[in-house]
């Protein structure tokens, strides 16, 4: 079926007990087993039934099946946060002594995982511009086991050519490609179709869409998902709560209409900001001025609701603008139905040094906007009145 129909109906588990129209919530930690033999069997074959909700739960299982369907994957694994999904996916394909390659623009906590945590376990890394596949090729070593790409990238919306990278990576035996597709959601982009081995999402964001849960998900082949589930999920314990999974599924029913409105509004806001005298630069892949515009057109079905902008006047101007918005809420995170504004250098990317940030165009005067589904004219008016507060600061 078409995508808007799929997000509503695909893999929905019908309630055989009472015929509930909405999928039931199985808020339980454990399950009563029929007899000793079933207990032994299911504990050794956890994908054939339910024993304990850390290993599997009917509500979480339905969410996982929906994501697998939308990402054209064999299987998926829900986790307690986006970073839980990222760390579990990464740890399931690497070990001590391995080398990883990752993009120079990625979420700050992912950057910290790669540069501050994994080196303590003897995992080496190289940072490259993943919009340049040749830079990835040049960085590959005999012990390289993972190429990690975030596209669209947080916060400058760099777009990496997933298919070109996959073609290059898979010329080398044993290297996996993981793509963080949080900014796009499955509605705008399907990395597995382009050759990625695993795709990760912070389900906190567009999949939920209402800012009510913290969750993550990994999708890919059944073999790789099984590898991530056991023993990594079993031992890390980053388990997705059934109620969170149930809430995300309610949010996903409007994923299509939300993403269409996010994209429509963001294009209008980006055009407004690009022409504003107080803005130095707008980072939005829907603009022809964005260096990744053509790649985005090729691999995405829309340009999304995220953008960043450099405000003239630096940090002092940013403070004035962020304190003056009335419709945009000053908050980290993204993908909500309502619009959010944040200062990436001190919020999502505080783990990077100023030199590391500036090297990849994350400047002190930069704000990131998560454009919601409000009326676009109201969003533009709000930004206009907030930007007007910095005239004195700049002039």
Protein backbone atom coordinates (compact mmCIF):
# COMPACT_ATOMS: atom_id res chain seq x y z
CA UNK A 1 0.00 0.00 0.00
CA UNK A 2 0.99 3.66 -0.13
CA UNK A 3 3.08 5.04 2.72
CA UNK A 4 0.34 6.98 4.52
CA UNK A 5 -1.80 3.83 4.59
CA UNK A 6 1.12 1.71 5.76
CA UNK A 7 1.96 3.91 8.74
CA UNK A 8 -1.62 3.42 9.94
CA UNK A 9 -2.19 -0.26 9.25
CA UNK A 10 1.05 -2.16 8.66
CA UNK A 11 1.77 -4.94 11.16
CA UNK A 12 -1.02 -3.90 13.53
CA UNK A 13 -1.79 -6.73 15.93
CA UNK A 14 -5.54 -7.31 16.19
CA UNK A 15 -6.89 -7.97 19.66
CA UNK A 16 -8.36 -11.48 19.54
CA UNK A 17 -9.55 -11.34 23.16
CA UNK A 18 -11.91 -8.36 23.04
CA UNK A 19 -11.59 -6.84 19.57
CA UNK A 20 -10.03 -3.57 20.71
CA UNK A 21 -9.62 -1.21 17.74
CA UNK A 22 -6.35 0.17 19.18
CA UNK A 23 -3.62 -2.36 19.86
CA UNK A 24 -3.60 -3.45 23.51
CA UNK A 25 -0.85 -2.35 25.87
CA UNK A 26 0.93 -5.28 27.53
CA UNK A 27 2.35 -3.51 30.57
CA UNK A 28 3.95 -6.50 32.22
CA UNK A 29 7.47 -7.48 33.15
CA UNK A 30 7.02 -11.24 32.92
CA UNK A 31 4.78 -13.87 31.29
CA UNK A 32 3.27 -17.03 32.77
CA UNK A 33 4.47 -20.12 30.90
CA UNK A 34 2.43 -23.27 30.38
CA UNK A 35 4.93 -25.83 31.57
CA UNK A 36 8.60 -26.61 32.18
CA UNK A 37 9.33 -27.63 28.59
CA UNK A 38 7.93 -24.37 27.20
CA UNK A 39 9.99 -22.40 29.73
CA UNK A 40 13.18 -24.12 28.60
CA UNK A 41 12.35 -23.74 24.92
CA UNK A 42 11.37 -20.05 25.00
CA UNK A 43 14.34 -19.03 27.11
CA UNK A 44 16.56 -20.50 24.42
CA UNK A 45 14.46 -19.24 21.50
CA UNK A 46 13.31 -15.80 22.58
CA UNK A 47 11.95 -14.83 19.15
CA UNK A 48 9.33 -17.60 19.32
CA UNK A 49 7.36 -16.28 22.27
CA UNK A 50 7.44 -14.07 25.34
CA UNK A 51 9.12 -14.87 28.63
CA UNK A 52 10.39 -11.61 30.13
CA UNK A 53 9.92 -8.09 28.79
CA UNK A 54 13.64 -7.37 28.71
CA UNK A 55 13.88 -9.97 25.94
CA UNK A 56 10.57 -9.28 24.24
CA UNK A 57 7.07 -7.93 24.80
CA UNK A 58 3.98 -8.05 22.54
CA UNK A 59 3.58 -4.26 22.46
CA UNK A 60 7.27 -3.64 21.80
CA UNK A 61 7.24 -6.45 19.25
CA UNK A 62 4.43 -4.76 17.32
CA UNK A 63 6.37 -1.48 17.29
CA UNK A 64 9.48 -3.30 16.07
CA UNK A 65 7.52 -5.03 13.30
CA UNK A 66 6.08 -1.69 12.17
CA UNK A 67 9.54 -0.11 11.95
CA UNK A 68 10.94 -3.15 10.13
CA UNK A 69 8.08 -2.90 7.63
CA UNK A 70 8.53 0.84 7.06
CA UNK A 71 12.33 0.51 6.73
CA UNK A 72 12.04 -2.54 4.43
CA UNK A 73 14.03 -4.55 6.95
CA UNK A 74 13.81 -8.16 8.09
CA UNK A 75 13.70 -7.17 11.77
CA UNK A 76 13.99 -4.29 14.21
CA UNK A 77 14.89 -3.80 17.85
CA UNK A 78 13.37 -1.15 20.13
CA UNK A 79 15.48 0.43 22.85
CA UNK A 80 15.12 2.90 25.69
CA UNK A 81 16.64 5.90 23.87
CA UNK A 82 18.14 6.95 20.57
CA UNK A 83 21.62 6.81 22.05
CA UNK A 84 20.78 3.38 23.44
CA UNK A 85 20.01 2.29 19.87
CA UNK A 86 23.22 3.86 18.56
CA UNK A 87 25.49 2.37 21.22
CA UNK A 88 23.87 -1.07 21.00
CA UNK A 89 24.10 -1.12 17.20
CA UNK A 90 27.73 -0.01 17.25
CA UNK A 91 28.81 -2.40 20.02
CA UNK A 92 27.15 -5.31 18.24
CA UNK A 93 29.46 -5.00 15.20
CA UNK A 94 32.81 -3.97 16.72
CA UNK A 95 35.25 -5.22 19.34
CA UNK A 96 38.50 -4.11 20.94
CA UNK A 97 41.25 -3.54 18.37
CA UNK A 98 38.83 -2.50 15.63
CA UNK A 99 38.82 0.79 13.75
CA UNK A 100 35.75 2.87 12.96
CA UNK A 101 35.14 5.76 10.56
CA UNK A 102 32.48 8.34 11.29
CA UNK A 103 31.28 11.66 9.98
CA UNK A 104 32.65 15.02 11.06
CA UNK A 105 29.11 16.30 11.71
CA UNK A 106 27.13 14.02 14.04
CA UNK A 107 25.08 14.33 17.22
CA UNK A 108 27.25 15.48 20.13
CA UNK A 109 26.62 12.46 22.36
CA UNK A 110 27.41 10.10 19.47
CA UNK A 111 30.65 12.04 19.01
CA UNK A 112 31.38 11.52 22.72
CA UNK A 113 30.68 7.78 22.43
CA UNK A 114 33.19 7.44 19.60
CA UNK A 115 35.89 9.76 20.95
CA UNK A 116 35.64 9.42 24.74
CA UNK A 117 34.14 6.01 25.53
CA UNK A 118 35.15 3.51 22.85
CA UNK A 119 38.88 4.40 22.89
CA UNK A 120 38.98 3.12 26.49
CA UNK A 121 38.04 -0.26 25.00
CA UNK A 122 40.84 -0.04 22.40
CA UNK A 123 38.63 1.02 19.51
CA UNK A 124 40.40 3.48 17.21
CA UNK A 125 38.63 6.00 14.99
CA UNK A 126 39.03 8.36 12.05
CA UNK A 127 36.79 11.37 11.46
CA UNK A 128 36.04 12.22 7.82
CA UNK A 129 33.67 14.32 5.75
CA UNK A 130 31.20 11.60 4.77
CA UNK A 131 29.81 13.73 1.94
CA UNK A 132 33.08 12.78 0.20
CA UNK A 133 33.14 9.00 -0.40
CA UNK A 134 36.79 9.21 -1.42
CA UNK A 135 37.65 10.51 2.04
CA UNK A 136 36.05 7.38 3.48
CA UNK A 137 37.96 5.17 1.03
CA UNK A 138 41.24 6.81 2.05
CA UNK A 139 40.53 6.25 5.75
CA UNK A 140 39.83 2.49 5.52
CA UNK A 141 42.40 0.31 7.30
CA UNK A 142 42.79 -3.48 7.51
CA UNK A 143 41.04 -3.44 10.91
CA UNK A 144 38.18 -1.11 9.90
CA UNK A 145 34.88 -2.72 10.87
CA UNK A 146 32.38 0.15 10.83
CA UNK A 147 31.51 3.23 8.83
CA UNK A 148 28.97 5.36 10.68
CA UNK A 149 27.02 8.05 8.84
CA UNK A 150 24.43 10.52 10.09
CA UNK A 151 22.33 11.92 7.25
CA UNK A 152 20.82 14.47 7.40
CA UNK A 153 23.53 15.42 9.88
CA UNK A 154 22.92 17.27 13.12
CA UNK A 155 23.00 20.30 13.11
CA UNK A 156 24.27 21.50 9.69
CA UNK A 157 22.06 19.12 7.68
CA UNK A 158 24.90 17.72 5.59
CA UNK A 159 23.61 14.97 3.32
CA UNK A 160 25.81 11.96 2.64
CA UNK A 161 25.25 9.77 -0.42
CA UNK A 162 24.30 6.49 1.26
CA UNK A 163 24.38 4.37 -1.89
CA UNK A 164 27.81 5.65 -2.95
CA UNK A 165 29.19 4.97 0.53
CA UNK A 166 27.58 1.51 0.69
CA UNK A 167 29.03 0.56 -2.70
CA UNK A 168 32.48 1.62 -1.51
CA UNK A 169 32.26 0.03 1.95
CA UNK A 170 31.01 -3.33 0.71
CA UNK A 171 34.03 -3.74 -1.52
CA UNK A 172 35.77 -4.60 1.76
CA UNK A 173 34.78 -7.77 3.56
CA UNK A 174 33.65 -7.36 7.14
CA UNK A 175 32.88 -3.62 7.20
CA UNK A 176 29.38 -2.61 8.24
CA UNK A 177 27.59 0.62 7.35
CA UNK A 178 25.28 2.10 10.00
CA UNK A 179 23.15 5.13 9.15
CA UNK A 180 21.43 7.39 11.67
CA UNK A 181 18.31 8.53 9.81
CA UNK A 182 16.58 10.27 12.71
CA UNK A 183 16.20 13.64 10.96
CA UNK A 184 14.51 11.99 7.95
CA UNK A 185 12.35 9.28 9.54
CA UNK A 186 11.30 6.28 7.40
CA UNK A 187 8.80 8.55 5.66
CA UNK A 188 11.51 10.53 3.86
CA UNK A 189 14.40 8.07 3.54
CA UNK A 190 15.15 4.32 3.65
CA UNK A 191 18.90 3.74 4.11
CA UNK A 192 18.66 -0.06 3.88
CA UNK A 193 17.29 0.27 0.34
CA UNK A 194 20.43 2.24 -0.49
CA UNK A 195 22.81 -0.39 0.88
CA UNK A 196 23.19 0.34 4.60
CA UNK A 197 23.50 -2.67 6.92
CA UNK A 198 21.69 -1.09 9.86
CA UNK A 199 19.58 2.04 10.29
CA UNK A 200 19.05 3.68 13.68
CA UNK A 201 16.49 6.23 14.83
CA UNK A 202 15.88 8.20 17.95
CA UNK A 203 12.19 7.34 18.17
CA UNK A 204 11.90 10.17 20.67
CA UNK A 205 11.82 12.48 17.68
CA UNK A 206 9.65 12.23 14.53
CA UNK A 207 8.44 8.68 15.09
CA UNK A 208 6.71 9.70 18.31
CA UNK A 209 6.25 13.29 17.24
CA UNK A 210 4.71 14.59 20.45
CA UNK A 211 7.62 14.81 22.89
CA UNK A 212 6.16 12.28 25.30
CA UNK A 213 8.70 9.43 25.25
CA UNK A 214 12.40 8.64 25.11
CA UNK A 215 13.12 5.70 22.81
CA UNK A 216 15.27 4.35 19.99
CA UNK A 217 15.17 1.64 17.36
CA UNK A 218 17.53 -0.32 15.10
CA UNK A 219 16.46 -2.01 11.86
CA UNK A 220 18.29 -4.38 9.54
CA UNK A 221 18.72 -8.05 8.69
CA UNK A 222 17.44 -10.60 11.19
CA UNK A 223 20.98 -11.88 11.71
CA UNK A 224 22.29 -8.44 12.68
CA UNK A 225 19.26 -7.62 14.83
CA UNK A 226 19.58 -10.97 16.64
CA UNK A 227 23.24 -10.13 17.21
CA UNK A 228 22.23 -6.77 18.71
CA UNK A 229 19.47 -8.29 20.85
CA UNK A 230 21.46 -11.16 22.31
CA UNK A 231 23.72 -10.73 24.16
CA UNK A 232 23.98 -6.93 23.86
CA UNK A 233 20.45 -5.87 24.78
CA UNK A 234 20.31 -8.73 27.29
CA UNK A 235 23.42 -7.40 29.05
CA UNK A 236 23.12 -3.64 28.51
CA UNK A 237 19.47 -3.63 29.53
CA UNK A 238 18.51 -0.56 27.44
CA UNK A 239 15.00 -1.98 27.15
CA UNK A 240 12.10 -0.12 25.56
CA UNK A 241 9.19 0.18 27.98
CA UNK A 242 5.91 -1.20 26.58
CA UNK A 243 4.02 2.01 27.36
CA UNK A 244 6.61 4.05 25.45
CA UNK A 245 6.30 1.67 22.50
CA UNK A 246 2.51 2.01 22.62
CA UNK A 247 2.74 5.82 22.68
CA UNK A 248 5.12 5.86 19.71
CA UNK A 249 2.73 3.70 17.70
CA UNK A 250 -0.06 6.20 18.35
CA UNK A 251 2.22 8.99 17.15
CA UNK A 252 3.29 7.02 14.08
CA UNK A 253 -0.29 6.96 12.82
CA UNK A 254 0.13 10.61 11.83
CA UNK A 255 3.77 10.35 10.73
CA UNK A 256 2.94 10.95 7.06
CA UNK A 257 0.75 14.00 7.48
CA UNK A 258 3.12 15.42 10.07
CA UNK A 259 6.21 15.00 7.89
CA UNK A 260 4.48 16.57 4.92
CA UNK A 261 3.58 19.62 7.02
CA UNK A 262 7.05 19.75 8.60
CA UNK A 263 8.62 19.82 5.15
CA UNK A 264 6.19 22.43 3.80
CA UNK A 265 6.66 24.74 6.77
CA UNK A 266 10.43 24.31 6.89
CA UNK A 267 10.79 25.30 3.25
CA UNK A 268 8.87 28.52 3.91
CA UNK A 269 10.88 29.31 7.05
CA UNK A 270 14.19 28.57 5.29
CA UNK A 271 13.34 30.89 2.41
CA UNK A 272 12.37 33.62 4.89
CA UNK A 273 15.58 33.26 6.89
CA UNK A 274 17.80 33.14 3.82
CA UNK A 275 16.53 36.57 2.86
CA UNK A 276 16.70 38.11 6.35
CA UNK A 277 19.38 40.79 6.92
CA UNK A 278 20.23 39.44 10.39
CA UNK A 279 21.05 35.95 9.08
CA UNK A 280 24.49 35.09 7.73
CA UNK A 281 23.74 31.55 6.53
CA UNK A 282 20.90 29.02 6.49
CA UNK A 283 21.58 25.27 6.59
CA UNK A 284 18.62 23.53 4.97
CA UNK A 285 18.97 20.87 2.24
CA UNK A 286 15.83 22.10 0.50
CA UNK A 287 17.60 25.31 -0.47
CA UNK A 288 19.55 25.23 -3.77
CA UNK A 289 22.32 27.08 -1.88
CA UNK A 290 22.87 24.07 0.39
CA UNK A 291 25.94 22.09 -0.82
CA UNK A 292 24.08 18.78 -0.36
CA UNK A 293 20.91 19.88 -2.15
CA UNK A 294 21.32 17.58 -5.17
CA UNK A 295 22.16 14.54 -3.01
CA UNK A 296 19.09 15.22 -0.87
CA UNK A 297 16.90 15.41 -3.97
CA UNK A 298 18.26 12.05 -5.12
CA UNK A 299 17.85 9.97 -1.95
CA UNK A 300 15.08 11.65 0.05
CA UNK A 301 11.36 12.09 -0.55
CA UNK A 302 11.36 15.52 1.08
CA UNK A 303 13.81 17.80 2.86
CA UNK A 304 12.52 17.46 6.41
CA UNK A 305 11.69 19.90 9.17
CA UNK A 306 15.17 20.62 10.55
CA UNK A 307 17.49 23.53 9.81
CA UNK A 308 20.16 25.69 11.39
CA UNK A 309 20.99 29.35 10.90
CA UNK A 310 23.97 31.58 11.71
CA UNK A 311 22.79 34.81 13.33
CA UNK A 312 24.76 38.01 12.92
CA UNK A 313 26.13 39.23 16.21
CA UNK A 314 27.24 35.87 17.62
CA UNK A 315 26.32 34.53 21.02
CA UNK A 316 24.88 37.83 22.30
CA UNK A 317 22.50 37.98 19.35
CA UNK A 318 21.55 34.33 19.85
CA UNK A 319 20.66 35.04 23.47
CA UNK A 320 18.36 37.88 22.46
CA UNK A 321 16.61 35.83 19.78
CA UNK A 322 16.14 32.70 21.86
CA UNK A 323 14.79 34.70 24.80
CA UNK A 324 12.33 36.51 22.53
CA UNK A 325 10.59 33.70 20.64
CA UNK A 326 6.99 33.10 21.65
CA UNK A 327 5.88 30.24 19.36
CA UNK A 328 9.25 28.46 19.16
CA UNK A 329 10.00 26.86 22.54
CA UNK A 330 13.57 26.99 23.81
CA UNK A 331 14.23 23.29 24.21
CA UNK A 332 16.61 20.63 23.06
CA UNK A 333 15.37 17.58 21.11
CA UNK A 334 13.42 17.82 17.86
CA UNK A 335 10.66 16.33 15.75
CA UNK A 336 7.75 17.52 17.88
CA UNK A 337 4.49 18.77 16.41
CA UNK A 338 5.37 22.15 17.96
CA UNK A 339 8.42 24.18 16.96
CA UNK A 340 11.62 24.19 19.01
CA UNK A 341 14.76 26.34 18.99
CA UNK A 342 18.12 25.47 20.53
CA UNK A 343 21.72 26.67 20.60
CA UNK A 344 23.64 23.66 19.27
CA UNK A 345 27.12 24.61 20.57
CA UNK A 346 25.94 24.70 24.19
CA UNK A 347 23.15 22.13 24.02
CA UNK A 348 23.27 19.17 21.61
CA UNK A 349 27.01 19.54 20.84
CA UNK A 350 28.47 20.67 24.17
CA UNK A 351 30.72 17.57 24.18
CA UNK A 352 32.79 19.05 21.33
CA UNK A 353 35.48 21.66 21.90
CA UNK A 354 35.03 25.07 20.22
CA UNK A 355 37.79 24.14 17.77
CA UNK A 356 36.08 20.85 16.88
CA UNK A 357 32.77 22.62 16.37
CA UNK A 358 34.09 25.50 14.32
CA UNK A 359 36.00 23.11 12.07
CA UNK A 360 32.66 21.65 10.92
CA UNK A 361 30.67 24.91 10.74
CA UNK A 362 28.96 24.68 14.12
CA UNK A 363 29.48 28.30 15.09
CA UNK A 364 28.76 30.12 18.34
CA UNK A 365 26.08 32.24 16.66
CA UNK A 366 24.19 29.26 15.32
CA UNK A 367 20.68 28.19 16.29
CA UNK A 368 18.92 24.97 15.30
CA UNK A 369 15.24 25.01 14.48
CA UNK A 370 12.86 22.07 14.61
CA UNK A 371 9.99 23.45 12.54
CA UNK A 372 6.62 22.19 13.73
CA UNK A 373 3.21 21.94 12.15
CA UNK A 374 1.85 25.33 13.24
CA UNK A 375 0.76 27.83 10.59
CA UNK A 376 3.91 28.84 8.74
CA UNK A 377 3.01 32.55 8.81
CA UNK A 378 2.95 32.45 12.61
CA UNK A 379 6.37 30.80 12.72
CA UNK A 380 7.83 33.36 10.35
CA UNK A 381 6.29 36.25 12.30
CA UNK A 382 7.70 34.84 15.55
CA UNK A 383 11.22 34.58 14.13
CA UNK A 384 10.94 38.02 12.56
CA UNK A 385 9.97 39.71 15.81
CA UNK A 386 12.69 37.81 17.70
CA UNK A 387 15.35 38.76 15.15
CA UNK A 388 14.28 42.38 15.39
CA UNK A 389 15.55 42.39 18.99
CA UNK A 390 19.17 42.17 17.80
CA UNK A 391 19.24 45.33 15.64
CA UNK A 392 20.87 47.33 18.41
CA UNK A 393 23.25 44.48 19.22
CA UNK A 394 24.55 44.24 15.63
CA UNK A 395 24.41 47.90 14.60
